[in-house]
Amino acid sequence: MRKKAKKQRAQETRQIRKLKQEKKKLLLEEVPGFKPEYCTMLVEHCSLGYSFRSFAAGINVLPELLEEWTEKCPEFKKARTLAAFNQKVFWEKKAVEACSEKFSIGLFRYITGSIDENPEVPGFIVILPEEEEDLENKGEPQ
């Protein structure tokens, strides 16, 4: 009798799984244009720093459709969350690179004309001595 009960439970479990898979397929069919591979594509797209909305252009759909997929597809919603996280990581890495001494000082001097902070007054910026000489020489006719 126990064997029959175990077989019956196993059969019921298989039927439940089958029904869940069929339900999942039906839900995906209700979502126009959605393909499961879009989940991994979205994560990869945002891992390069691109936005969620720009992914729509990459797959040639309207951004509003992505919002609909997010509401109707739990897998896409998870992918969107992961994609947003990966996008933030990408830009954090870029910010750290930009703040590293080797990169930022050269870029800072290029953009601002070789200025540096005055260490005695935080937040106060002064022109470096070699730049002061250049400024003075520009004012005098040669």
C-alpha atoms as a PDB file:
ATOM      1  CA  MET A   1       0.000   0.000   0.000  1.00  0.00           C
ATOM      2  CA  ARG A   2       2.869   2.397   0.724  1.00  0.00           C
ATOM      3  CA  LYS A   3       4.370   1.672  -2.670  1.00  0.00           C
ATOM      4  CA  LYS A   4       1.111   2.646  -4.367  1.00  0.00           C
ATOM      5  CA  ALA A   5       0.996   5.913  -2.393  1.00  0.00           C
ATOM      6  CA  LYS A   6       4.598   6.743  -3.352  1.00  0.00           C
ATOM      7  CA  LYS A   7       3.919   6.014  -7.020  1.00  0.00           C
ATOM      8  CA  GLN A   8       0.794   8.135  -6.928  1.00  0.00           C
ATOM      9  CA  ARG A   9       2.643  11.083  -5.307  1.00  0.00           C
ATOM     10  CA  ALA A  10       5.452  10.804  -7.848  1.00  0.00           C
ATOM     11  CA  GLN A  11       2.948  10.792 -10.690  1.00  0.00           C
ATOM     12  CA  GLU A  12       1.127  13.812  -9.218  1.00  0.00           C
ATOM     13  CA  THR A  13       4.440  15.647  -8.863  1.00  0.00           C
ATOM     14  CA  ARG A  14       5.243  14.975 -12.535  1.00  0.00           C
ATOM     15  CA  GLN A  15       1.823  16.216 -13.580  1.00  0.00           C
ATOM     16  CA  ILE A  16       2.231  19.383 -11.511  1.00  0.00           C
ATOM     17  CA  ARG A  17       5.628  20.069 -13.092  1.00  0.00           C
ATOM     18  CA  LYS A  18       4.188  19.509 -16.542  1.00  0.00           C
ATOM     19  CA  LEU A  19       1.300  21.892 -15.833  1.00  0.00           C
ATOM     20  CA  LYS A  20       3.712  24.543 -14.531  1.00  0.00           C
ATOM     21  CA  GLN A  21       5.846  24.267 -17.685  1.00  0.00           C
ATOM     22  CA  GLU A  22       2.768  24.583 -19.893  1.00  0.00           C
ATOM     23  CA  LYS A  23       1.598  27.597 -17.899  1.00  0.00           C
ATOM     24  CA  LYS A  24       5.028  29.190 -18.264  1.00  0.00           C
ATOM     25  CA  LYS A  25       4.941  28.660 -22.047  1.00  0.00           C
ATOM     26  CA  LEU A  26       1.477  30.193 -22.243  1.00  0.00           C
ATOM     27  CA  LEU A  27       2.589  33.225 -20.251  1.00  0.00           C
ATOM     28  CA  LEU A  28       5.552  33.753 -22.553  1.00  0.00           C
ATOM     29  CA  GLU A  29       3.298  33.479 -25.591  1.00  0.00           C
ATOM     30  CA  GLU A  30       1.142  36.286 -24.157  1.00  0.00           C
ATOM     31  CA  VAL A  31       4.151  38.614 -24.107  1.00  0.00           C
ATOM     32  CA  PRO A  32       4.585  39.968 -27.649  1.00  0.00           C
ATOM     33  CA  GLY A  33       8.068  39.706 -29.093  1.00  0.00           C
ATOM     34  CA  PHE A  34       9.738  38.349 -25.969  1.00  0.00           C
ATOM     35  CA  LYS A  35      12.466  35.733 -26.354  1.00  0.00           C
ATOM     36  CA  PRO A  36      14.179  34.109 -23.351  1.00  0.00           C
ATOM     37  CA  GLU A  37      17.634  34.876 -24.806  1.00  0.00           C
ATOM     38  CA  TYR A  38      16.901  38.584 -24.343  1.00  0.00           C
ATOM     39  CA  CYS A  39      17.577  38.111 -20.632  1.00  0.00           C
ATOM     40  CA  THR A  40      21.245  37.229 -21.138  1.00  0.00           C
ATOM     41  CA  MET A  41      21.573  39.796 -23.918  1.00  0.00           C
ATOM     42  CA  LEU A  42      20.294  42.523 -21.577  1.00  0.00           C
ATOM     43  CA  VAL A  43      22.765  41.612 -18.836  1.00  0.00           C
ATOM     44  CA  GLU A  44      25.663  41.617 -21.316  1.00  0.00           C
ATOM     45  CA  HIS A  45      24.510  44.937 -22.814  1.00  0.00           C
ATOM     46  CA  CYS A  46      24.361  46.702 -19.450  1.00  0.00           C
ATOM     47  CA  SER A  47      27.658  45.129 -18.346  1.00  0.00           C
ATOM     48  CA  LEU A  48      29.290  47.381 -20.939  1.00  0.00           C
ATOM     49  CA  GLY A  49      27.791  50.467 -19.295  1.00  0.00           C
ATOM     50  CA  TYR A  50      24.869  50.916 -21.658  1.00  0.00           C
ATOM     51  CA  SER A  51      21.397  51.740 -20.359  1.00  0.00           C
ATOM     52  CA  PHE A  52      18.292  49.592 -20.125  1.00  0.00           C
ATOM     53  CA  ARG A  53      16.497  51.820 -22.616  1.00  0.00           C
ATOM     54  CA  SER A  54      19.322  51.633 -25.158  1.00  0.00           C
ATOM     55  CA  PHE A  55      18.908  47.858 -25.142  1.00  0.00           C
ATOM     56  CA  ALA A  56      15.539  48.434 -26.832  1.00  0.00           C
ATOM     57  CA  ALA A  57      17.288  50.039 -29.794  1.00  0.00           C
ATOM     58  CA  GLY A  58      19.731  47.139 -29.929  1.00  0.00           C
ATOM     59  CA  ILE A  59      16.938  44.611 -30.412  1.00  0.00           C
ATOM     60  CA  ASN A  60      14.768  47.008 -32.456  1.00  0.00           C
ATOM     61  CA  VAL A  61      11.799  47.400 -30.094  1.00  0.00           C
ATOM     62  CA  LEU A  62      10.270  50.342 -28.246  1.00  0.00           C
ATOM     63  CA  PRO A  63      11.423  50.969 -24.646  1.00  0.00           C
ATOM     64  CA  GLU A  64       7.793  50.693 -23.496  1.00  0.00           C
ATOM     65  CA  LEU A  65       7.804  47.073 -24.637  1.00  0.00           C
ATOM     66  CA  LEU A  66      10.742  46.389 -22.326  1.00  0.00           C
ATOM     67  CA  GLU A  67       8.663  47.752 -19.457  1.00  0.00           C
ATOM     68  CA  GLU A  68       5.838  45.384 -20.411  1.00  0.00           C
ATOM     69  CA  TRP A  69       8.240  42.442 -20.474  1.00  0.00           C
ATOM     70  CA  THR A  70       9.509  43.445 -17.032  1.00  0.00           C
ATOM     71  CA  GLU A  71       5.977  43.355 -15.646  1.00  0.00           C
ATOM     72  CA  LYS A  72       4.932  40.094 -17.309  1.00  0.00           C
ATOM     73  CA  CYS A  73       8.115  37.985 -17.298  1.00  0.00           C
ATOM     74  CA  PRO A  74       9.755  37.171 -13.961  1.00  0.00           C
ATOM     75  CA  GLU A  75      12.951  36.039 -15.751  1.00  0.00           C
ATOM     76  CA  PHE A  76      13.243  39.378 -17.541  1.00  0.00           C
ATOM     77  CA  LYS A  77      12.599  41.240 -14.307  1.00  0.00           C
ATOM     78  CA  LYS A  78      15.486  39.352 -12.660  1.00  0.00           C
ATOM     79  CA  ALA A  79      17.683  40.013 -15.687  1.00  0.00           C
ATOM     80  CA  ARG A  80      16.846  43.724 -15.496  1.00  0.00           C
ATOM     81  CA  THR A  81      17.841  43.858 -11.833  1.00  0.00           C
ATOM     82  CA  LEU A  82      21.114  42.047 -12.548  1.00  0.00           C
ATOM     83  CA  ALA A  83      21.745  44.260 -15.574  1.00  0.00           C
ATOM     84  CA  ALA A  84      21.289  47.419 -13.491  1.00  0.00           C
ATOM     85  CA  PHE A  85      23.741  46.073 -10.927  1.00  0.00           C
ATOM     86  CA  ASN A  86      26.307  45.229 -13.625  1.00  0.00           C
ATOM     87  CA  GLN A  87      25.880  48.667 -15.172  1.00  0.00           C
ATOM     88  CA  LYS A  88      26.644  50.308 -11.814  1.00  0.00           C
ATOM     89  CA  VAL A  89      29.717  48.115 -11.394  1.00  0.00           C
ATOM     90  CA  PHE A  90      30.943  49.148 -14.848  1.00  0.00           C
ATOM     91  CA  TRP A  91      30.625  52.856 -14.036  1.00  0.00           C
ATOM     92  CA  GLU A  92      32.150  52.421 -10.581  1.00  0.00           C
ATOM     93  CA  LYS A  93      35.206  50.860 -12.211  1.00  0.00           C
ATOM     94  CA  LYS A  94      35.401  53.777 -14.642  1.00  0.00           C
ATOM     95  CA  ALA A  95      35.153  56.243 -11.758  1.00  0.00           C
ATOM     96  CA  VAL A  96      37.945  54.475  -9.882  1.00  0.00           C
ATOM     97  CA  GLU A  97      40.112  54.526 -13.023  1.00  0.00           C
ATOM     98  CA  ALA A  98      39.399  58.227 -13.474  1.00  0.00           C
ATOM     99  CA  CYS A  99      40.340  58.943  -9.877  1.00  0.00           C
ATOM    100  CA  SER A 100      43.584  57.014  -9.951  1.00  0.00           C
ATOM    101  CA  GLU A 101      46.533  59.410  -9.684  1.00  0.00           C
ATOM    102  CA  LYS A 102      48.118  58.403 -12.981  1.00  0.00           C
ATOM    103  CA  PHE A 103      45.008  59.154 -15.031  1.00  0.00           C
ATOM    104  CA  SER A 104      43.257  62.004 -13.287  1.00  0.00           C
ATOM    105  CA  ILE A 105      46.168  64.383 -12.732  1.00  0.00           C
ATOM    106  CA  GLY A 106      47.216  64.300 -16.377  1.00  0.00           C
ATOM    107  CA  LEU A 107      43.643  64.714 -17.550  1.00  0.00           C
ATOM    108  CA  PHE A 108      42.986  67.375 -14.921  1.00  0.00           C
ATOM    109  CA  ARG A 109      45.999  69.387 -16.048  1.00  0.00           C
ATOM    110  CA  TYR A 110      45.098  68.973 -19.720  1.00  0.00           C
ATOM    111  CA  ILE A 111      41.531  70.156 -19.240  1.00  0.00           C
ATOM    112  CA  THR A 112      42.170  72.902 -16.701  1.00  0.00           C
ATOM    113  CA  GLY A 113      45.483  74.299 -17.922  1.00  0.00           C
ATOM    114  CA  SER A 114      47.913  72.827 -15.378  1.00  0.00           C
ATOM    115  CA  ILE A 115      46.384  73.909 -12.124  1.00  0.00           C
ATOM    116  CA  ASP A 116      46.771  72.235  -8.785  1.00  0.00           C
ATOM    117  CA  GLU A 117      45.198  72.455  -5.354  1.00  0.00           C
ATOM    118  CA  ASN A 118      46.785  74.594  -2.672  1.00  0.00           C
ATOM    119  CA  PRO A 119      47.517  72.082   0.126  1.00  0.00           C
ATOM    120  CA  GLU A 120      47.206  74.775   2.815  1.00  0.00           C
ATOM    121  CA  VAL A 121      43.656  75.760   1.838  1.00  0.00           C
ATOM    122  CA  PRO A 122      41.458  72.772   0.957  1.00  0.00           C
ATOM    123  CA  GLY A 123      39.314  73.380  -2.103  1.00  0.00           C
ATOM    124  CA  PHE A 124      41.354  76.417  -3.213  1.00  0.00           C
ATOM    125  CA  ILE A 125      42.957  76.072  -6.638  1.00  0.00           C
ATOM    126  CA  VAL A 126      46.103  77.902  -7.704  1.00  0.00           C
ATOM    127  CA  ILE A 127      47.996  78.117 -10.979  1.00  0.00           C
ATOM    128  CA  LEU A 128      51.308  76.296 -10.928  1.00  0.00           C
ATOM    129  CA  PRO A 129      54.471  78.485 -11.152  1.00  0.00           C
ATOM    130  CA  GLU A 130      55.418  77.405 -14.695  1.00  0.00           C
ATOM    131  CA  GLU A 131      51.965  78.386 -15.896  1.00  0.00           C
ATOM    132  CA  GLU A 132      52.215  81.805 -14.228  1.00  0.00           C
ATOM    133  CA  GLU A 133      55.397  82.471 -16.245  1.00  0.00           C
ATOM    134  CA  ASP A 134      53.634  81.452 -19.467  1.00  0.00           C
ATOM    135  CA  LEU A 135      50.722  83.790 -18.669  1.00  0.00           C
ATOM    136  CA  GLU A 136      53.109  86.683 -17.986  1.00  0.00           C
ATOM    137  CA  ASN A 137      55.025  86.044 -21.239  1.00  0.00           C
ATOM    138  CA  LYS A 138      51.803  86.021 -23.257  1.00  0.00           C
ATOM    139  CA  GLY A 139      50.997  89.520 -22.052  1.00  0.00           C
ATOM    140  CA  GLU A 140      54.336  91.036 -23.210  1.00  0.00           C
ATOM    141  CA  PRO A 141      54.916  91.803 -26.919  1.00  0.00           C
ATOM    142  CA  GLN A 142      58.011  90.131 -28.331  1.00  0.00           C
END
